[in-house]
N, C-alpha and C. Protein backbone atom coordinates (compact mmCIF):
# COMPACT_ATOMS: atom_id res chain seq x y z
N MET A 1 -2.70 -14.21 5.37
CA MET A 1 -2.51 -13.26 4.51
C MET A 1 -1.47 -12.43 5.06
N PHE A 2 -0.45 -11.81 4.36
CA PHE A 2 0.47 -10.72 4.67
C PHE A 2 0.83 -9.95 3.66
N VAL A 3 1.06 -8.71 4.09
CA VAL A 3 1.69 -7.85 3.36
C VAL A 3 2.91 -7.25 3.80
N TYR A 4 4.03 -7.17 3.17
CA TYR A 4 5.45 -6.85 3.50
C TYR A 4 5.49 -5.13 3.37
N ILE A 5 6.31 -4.55 4.28
CA ILE A 5 6.58 -3.17 4.48
C ILE A 5 8.22 -3.04 4.41
N THR A 6 8.52 -2.44 3.59
CA THR A 6 10.16 -2.42 3.42
C THR A 6 10.66 -1.27 4.52
N PRO A 7 11.89 -1.45 4.82
CA PRO A 7 12.52 -0.69 5.91
C PRO A 7 12.22 1.03 5.36
N ARG A 8 12.58 0.86 4.05
CA ARG A 8 12.51 2.48 3.34
C ARG A 8 11.02 2.95 3.65
N ALA A 9 10.15 2.14 3.42
CA ALA A 9 8.54 2.74 3.54
C ALA A 9 8.34 3.02 4.90
N ALA A 10 8.92 2.13 5.76
CA ALA A 10 8.60 2.61 7.28
C ALA A 10 9.24 3.66 7.93
N ALA A 11 10.52 3.87 7.39
CA ALA A 11 11.26 4.98 7.45
C ALA A 11 10.67 6.33 7.18
N LYS A 12 9.88 6.21 5.86
CA LYS A 12 9.26 7.47 5.28
C LYS A 12 8.19 7.78 5.97
N LEU A 13 7.22 6.83 6.39
CA LEU A 13 6.06 6.94 6.83
C LEU A 13 6.11 7.51 8.54
N ASN A 14 7.28 7.08 9.17
CA ASN A 14 7.57 7.31 10.34
C ASN A 14 8.19 8.85 10.48
N ASN A 15 8.93 9.08 9.46
CA ASN A 15 9.47 10.54 9.26
C ASN A 15 8.12 11.57 8.83
N ILE A 16 7.07 11.18 8.24
CA ILE A 16 6.03 11.88 8.28
C ILE A 16 5.27 12.28 9.47
N LYS A 17 5.06 10.94 10.21
CA LYS A 17 4.48 11.22 11.52
C LYS A 17 5.29 11.92 12.50
N GLU A 18 6.41 11.92 12.27
CA GLU A 18 7.32 12.87 13.12
C GLU A 18 7.44 14.43 12.54
N GLN A 19 7.11 14.59 11.31
CA GLN A 19 7.16 16.01 10.84
C GLN A 19 5.74 16.41 11.12
N ASP A 20 4.72 15.80 11.04
CA ASP A 20 3.46 16.39 11.39
C ASP A 20 3.10 16.28 12.93
N SER A 21 4.15 15.72 13.64
CA SER A 21 3.55 15.63 14.88
C SER A 21 2.46 14.96 15.34
N ASN A 22 1.94 13.72 14.66
CA ASN A 22 0.96 13.04 14.79
C ASN A 22 1.23 11.48 14.44
N PRO A 23 1.51 10.95 15.85
CA PRO A 23 1.70 9.64 15.91
C PRO A 23 0.53 8.75 15.44
N ASN A 24 -0.65 9.32 15.47
CA ASN A 24 -1.63 8.31 14.58
C ASN A 24 -1.55 8.03 13.26
N LEU A 25 -0.85 8.86 12.38
CA LEU A 25 -0.70 8.59 11.08
C LEU A 25 -0.52 7.41 10.23
N LEU A 26 -1.57 6.77 9.67
CA LEU A 26 -1.01 5.46 9.01
C LEU A 26 -1.24 5.64 7.49
N LEU A 27 -0.64 4.60 6.59
CA LEU A 27 -0.99 4.45 5.30
C LEU A 27 -2.07 3.42 4.88
N ARG A 28 -3.25 4.03 4.44
CA ARG A 28 -4.31 3.05 4.01
C ARG A 28 -4.09 2.77 2.49
N VAL A 29 -4.12 1.73 2.33
CA VAL A 29 -3.76 1.00 0.80
C VAL A 29 -5.23 0.32 0.43
N THR A 30 -5.80 0.58 -0.63
CA THR A 30 -6.98 0.10 -1.23
C THR A 30 -6.91 -0.36 -2.56
N VAL A 31 -7.48 -1.35 -2.87
CA VAL A 31 -7.58 -1.44 -4.29
C VAL A 31 -9.08 -1.16 -4.77
N GLU A 32 -9.22 -0.62 -5.98
CA GLU A 32 -10.46 -0.20 -6.55
C GLU A 32 -10.43 -0.50 -8.08
N SER A 33 -11.65 -0.91 -8.62
CA SER A 33 -11.71 -1.06 -10.15
C SER A 33 -11.38 0.20 -10.86
N GLY A 34 -10.94 0.39 -11.89
CA GLY A 34 -10.51 1.30 -12.66
C GLY A 34 -9.17 1.44 -13.18
N GLY A 35 -8.64 2.61 -13.85
CA GLY A 35 -7.16 2.67 -14.53
C GLY A 35 -7.25 2.14 -15.84
N CYS A 36 -6.43 2.20 -16.27
CA CYS A 36 -6.07 1.76 -17.66
C CYS A 36 -5.92 0.11 -17.73
N HIS A 37 -5.77 -0.56 -16.84
CA HIS A 37 -5.56 -2.17 -16.64
C HIS A 37 -6.48 -2.79 -15.92
N GLY A 38 -7.82 -2.13 -15.49
CA GLY A 38 -8.80 -2.86 -14.58
C GLY A 38 -9.06 -2.55 -13.09
N PHE A 39 -7.62 -2.32 -12.61
CA PHE A 39 -7.73 -2.09 -10.94
C PHE A 39 -6.48 -1.28 -10.85
N GLN A 40 -6.78 -0.46 -9.60
CA GLN A 40 -5.64 0.44 -9.19
C GLN A 40 -5.40 0.78 -7.68
N TYR A 41 -4.08 0.75 -7.41
CA TYR A 41 -3.91 0.97 -5.99
C TYR A 41 -4.41 2.65 -5.63
N LEU A 42 -4.88 2.85 -4.64
CA LEU A 42 -5.17 3.93 -4.14
C LEU A 42 -4.63 4.01 -2.54
N MET A 43 -3.55 4.96 -2.46
CA MET A 43 -2.92 5.09 -1.05
C MET A 43 -3.30 6.55 -0.41
N GLY A 44 -3.13 6.65 1.04
CA GLY A 44 -3.39 7.90 1.71
C GLY A 44 -3.19 7.96 2.93
N LEU A 45 -2.54 8.76 3.49
CA LEU A 45 -2.77 9.11 5.02
C LEU A 45 -3.76 9.30 5.72
N LYS A 46 -4.13 8.39 6.84
CA LYS A 46 -5.34 8.42 7.61
C LYS A 46 -4.95 8.68 9.01
N GLU A 47 -6.01 8.83 10.05
CA GLU A 47 -5.60 8.76 11.37
C GLU A 47 -6.17 7.69 11.96
N GLU A 48 -7.01 7.00 11.30
CA GLU A 48 -8.19 5.99 12.12
C GLU A 48 -8.34 4.92 11.28
N TYR A 49 -8.55 3.80 11.87
CA TYR A 49 -8.75 2.51 11.21
C TYR A 49 -9.77 1.82 11.88
N ASN A 50 -10.83 0.81 11.37
CA ASN A 50 -11.65 0.13 11.99
C ASN A 50 -11.17 -1.47 12.23
N PRO A 51 -10.67 -1.79 13.59
CA PRO A 51 -10.18 -2.92 13.70
C PRO A 51 -11.20 -4.10 13.25
N ASP A 52 -12.44 -3.82 13.52
CA ASP A 52 -13.35 -4.82 12.95
C ASP A 52 -13.61 -5.21 11.47
N GLU A 53 -13.02 -4.22 10.60
CA GLU A 53 -12.92 -4.54 9.41
C GLU A 53 -11.76 -4.45 8.68
N ASP A 54 -10.72 -3.72 9.23
CA ASP A 54 -9.37 -3.55 8.35
C ASP A 54 -8.26 -4.41 9.12
N ILE A 55 -7.31 -4.41 8.25
CA ILE A 55 -6.03 -5.37 8.73
C ILE A 55 -5.06 -4.57 8.71
N LEU A 56 -4.08 -4.71 10.07
CA LEU A 56 -3.02 -3.61 10.12
C LEU A 56 -1.73 -4.35 10.13
N PHE A 57 -1.02 -3.79 9.45
CA PHE A 57 0.38 -4.35 9.24
C PHE A 57 1.35 -2.94 9.83
N ASP A 58 2.57 -3.66 10.60
CA ASP A 58 3.39 -2.42 11.42
C ASP A 58 4.66 -3.04 11.09
N LEU A 59 5.71 -2.20 10.90
CA LEU A 59 7.00 -2.34 11.00
C LEU A 59 7.67 -1.06 11.62
N ASP A 60 8.20 -1.29 12.71
CA ASP A 60 8.82 -0.36 13.48
C ASP A 60 8.02 0.96 13.79
N GLY A 61 6.84 0.50 13.94
CA GLY A 61 5.80 1.58 14.16
C GLY A 61 4.97 2.38 13.07
N ALA A 62 5.67 1.64 12.01
CA ALA A 62 4.97 2.43 10.52
C ALA A 62 3.84 1.54 10.33
N LYS A 63 2.77 2.11 10.31
CA LYS A 63 1.15 1.18 10.22
C LYS A 63 0.69 1.23 8.82
N VAL A 64 0.41 0.21 8.18
CA VAL A 64 -0.01 0.05 7.02
C VAL A 64 -1.70 -0.66 6.93
N VAL A 65 -2.49 -0.21 6.58
CA VAL A 65 -4.11 -0.63 6.79
C VAL A 65 -4.54 -0.85 5.66
N MET A 66 -5.52 -1.96 5.59
CA MET A 66 -6.26 -2.10 4.16
C MET A 66 -7.56 -3.03 4.49
N ASP A 67 -8.40 -2.92 3.59
CA ASP A 67 -9.52 -3.59 4.12
C ASP A 67 -9.41 -5.39 3.67
N GLU A 68 -10.22 -6.08 3.77
CA GLU A 68 -10.05 -7.61 3.51
C GLU A 68 -10.22 -7.99 2.18
N MET A 69 -10.85 -7.11 1.06
CA MET A 69 -11.13 -7.30 -0.19
C MET A 69 -9.82 -6.94 -0.80
N SER A 70 -9.33 -5.78 -0.37
CA SER A 70 -8.19 -5.22 -1.01
C SER A 70 -6.80 -6.45 -0.31
N LEU A 71 -6.95 -6.78 0.74
CA LEU A 71 -5.76 -7.67 1.10
C LEU A 71 -5.86 -8.94 0.32
N GLY A 72 -7.12 -9.50 0.12
CA GLY A 72 -6.98 -10.72 -0.88
C GLY A 72 -6.24 -10.62 -2.10
N ILE A 73 -6.19 -9.20 -2.81
CA ILE A 73 -5.66 -9.10 -4.08
C ILE A 73 -4.12 -8.66 -3.77
N LEU A 74 -3.93 -8.11 -2.56
CA LEU A 74 -2.52 -7.55 -2.36
C LEU A 74 -1.75 -8.66 -1.50
N LYS A 75 -2.28 -9.73 -1.18
CA LYS A 75 -1.52 -10.80 -0.12
C LYS A 75 -0.19 -11.04 -0.78
N ASP A 76 0.81 -11.24 -0.17
CA ASP A 76 2.25 -11.35 -0.13
C ASP A 76 2.96 -10.12 -1.24
N SER A 77 2.35 -9.11 -1.18
CA SER A 77 2.78 -7.94 -1.71
C SER A 77 3.67 -7.18 -0.94
N THR A 78 4.50 -6.16 -1.56
CA THR A 78 5.35 -5.35 -0.66
C THR A 78 5.00 -3.81 -0.97
N VAL A 79 4.89 -3.08 0.17
CA VAL A 79 4.57 -1.37 0.32
C VAL A 79 6.08 -0.99 0.13
N ASP A 80 6.36 0.00 -0.64
CA ASP A 80 7.68 0.24 -0.74
C ASP A 80 7.55 1.86 -0.86
N TYR A 81 8.66 2.58 -0.62
CA TYR A 81 8.49 4.00 -0.90
C TYR A 81 9.74 4.43 -1.83
N THR A 82 9.30 5.06 -3.09
CA THR A 82 10.44 4.80 -4.30
C THR A 82 10.55 6.37 -4.38
N THR A 83 11.88 6.78 -4.68
CA THR A 83 12.14 8.27 -5.43
C THR A 83 12.32 8.15 -6.60
N GLU A 84 11.78 8.88 -7.78
CA GLU A 84 12.05 8.74 -9.08
C GLU A 84 11.99 9.92 -9.74
N LEU A 85 12.29 10.14 -10.84
CA LEU A 85 12.53 11.45 -11.57
C LEU A 85 11.27 12.28 -11.55
N ILE A 86 10.02 11.47 -11.32
CA ILE A 86 8.76 12.16 -11.54
C ILE A 86 8.13 12.24 -10.19
N GLY A 87 8.72 12.05 -9.28
CA GLY A 87 8.50 12.01 -7.79
C GLY A 87 8.81 11.13 -6.97
N SER A 88 8.46 11.39 -5.73
CA SER A 88 8.35 10.05 -4.71
C SER A 88 7.11 9.67 -4.14
N GLN A 89 6.99 8.46 -3.98
CA GLN A 89 5.59 7.85 -3.56
C GLN A 89 5.78 6.61 -2.91
N PHE A 90 4.64 6.29 -1.96
CA PHE A 90 4.44 4.88 -1.64
C PHE A 90 3.86 4.10 -2.84
N LYS A 91 4.35 2.85 -3.05
CA LYS A 91 4.12 1.92 -4.20
C LYS A 91 4.19 0.76 -3.68
N ILE A 92 3.09 -0.33 -4.47
CA ILE A 92 2.93 -1.54 -4.21
C ILE A 92 4.10 -2.30 -5.24
N ILE A 93 5.00 -3.24 -4.84
CA ILE A 93 5.62 -3.80 -5.47
C ILE A 93 5.60 -5.15 -5.19
N ASP A 94 5.94 -5.88 -6.43
CA ASP A 94 6.07 -7.44 -6.24
C ASP A 94 4.62 -8.15 -5.81
N ASN A 95 3.59 -7.60 -6.63
CA ASN A 95 2.18 -8.21 -6.36
C ASN A 95 2.16 -9.57 -6.99
N PRO A 96 2.19 -10.57 -6.56
CA PRO A 96 2.08 -11.84 -7.38
C PRO A 96 0.84 -12.17 -8.21
N ARG A 97 -0.24 -11.40 -7.93
CA ARG A 97 -1.39 -11.54 -8.69
C ARG A 97 -1.42 -10.65 -9.71
N ALA A 98 -0.70 -9.55 -9.88
CA ALA A 98 -0.63 -8.84 -10.85
C ALA A 98 -0.11 -9.13 -12.17
N SER A 99 -0.81 -9.28 -13.33
CA SER A 99 -0.50 -10.09 -14.27
C SER A 99 0.00 -9.19 -15.49
N SER A 100 -0.29 -7.75 -15.12
CA SER A 100 0.43 -6.81 -16.16
C SER A 100 -0.08 -5.40 -15.51
N SER A 101 0.54 -4.42 -15.74
CA SER A 101 0.64 -3.18 -15.08
C SER A 101 0.95 -1.84 -16.14
N CYS A 102 0.34 -0.86 -15.81
CA CYS A 102 0.73 0.37 -16.37
C CYS A 102 2.13 0.90 -16.44
N GLY A 103 2.58 1.82 -16.94
CA GLY A 103 3.89 2.38 -17.00
C GLY A 103 4.24 3.07 -15.69
N CYS A 104 3.18 3.65 -15.04
CA CYS A 104 3.49 4.41 -13.73
C CYS A 104 3.27 3.35 -12.58
N GLY A 105 2.68 2.30 -12.93
CA GLY A 105 2.60 1.03 -11.72
C GLY A 105 1.41 1.31 -10.80
N SER A 106 0.43 2.18 -11.20
CA SER A 106 -0.71 2.16 -10.24
C SER A 106 -2.05 1.44 -10.62
N SER A 107 -1.76 1.17 -11.78
CA SER A 107 -2.93 0.30 -12.38
C SER A 107 -2.58 -1.07 -12.99
N PHE A 108 -3.28 -2.26 -12.60
CA PHE A 108 -2.78 -3.52 -12.97
C PHE A 108 -3.93 -4.39 -13.45
N ASP A 109 -3.83 -5.48 -13.99
CA ASP A 109 -4.71 -6.92 -14.12
C ASP A 109 -4.41 -7.67 -13.08
N ILE A 110 -5.37 -8.44 -12.75
CA ILE A 110 -4.85 -9.49 -11.80
C ILE A 110 -5.30 -10.88 -12.26
N ASP A 111 -4.64 -11.54 -11.79
CA ASP A 111 -4.73 -13.20 -11.98
C ASP A 111 -4.98 -13.99 -10.70
N LEU A 112 -6.53 -14.10 -10.27
CA LEU A 112 -6.59 -14.80 -9.10
C LEU A 112 -6.27 -16.32 -8.99
N THR A 113 -5.62 -16.97 -9.86
CA THR A 113 -5.51 -18.24 -9.72
C THR A 113 -4.15 -18.39 -9.08
N LYS A 114 -3.12 -17.24 -8.83
CA LYS A 114 -2.32 -17.12 -8.00
C LYS A 114 -2.31 -17.04 -6.57
């Protein structure tokens, strides 16, 4: 199972690590039930992860971590960093298991047959 990180997301995460003078920062991505479509993406900057329970992805030193359940829903998805009129954010794109999503892209339904 794999999750992709765009060069833009890696560059932003590495920039945040440099600005904060914290080389241990990583982006934790979690899927939880809720939101207007059944599931929602939660993302936040953390300093630690549990290698016995979490899966770590790395692009150019930018680290993204998630638990196994979230990875089961997000495998073959992409973590990107987008800049839009409403603001900038890390975002999941191209999730092959998302059958529909809300307008802001943080809530989605899943199709587990994919």
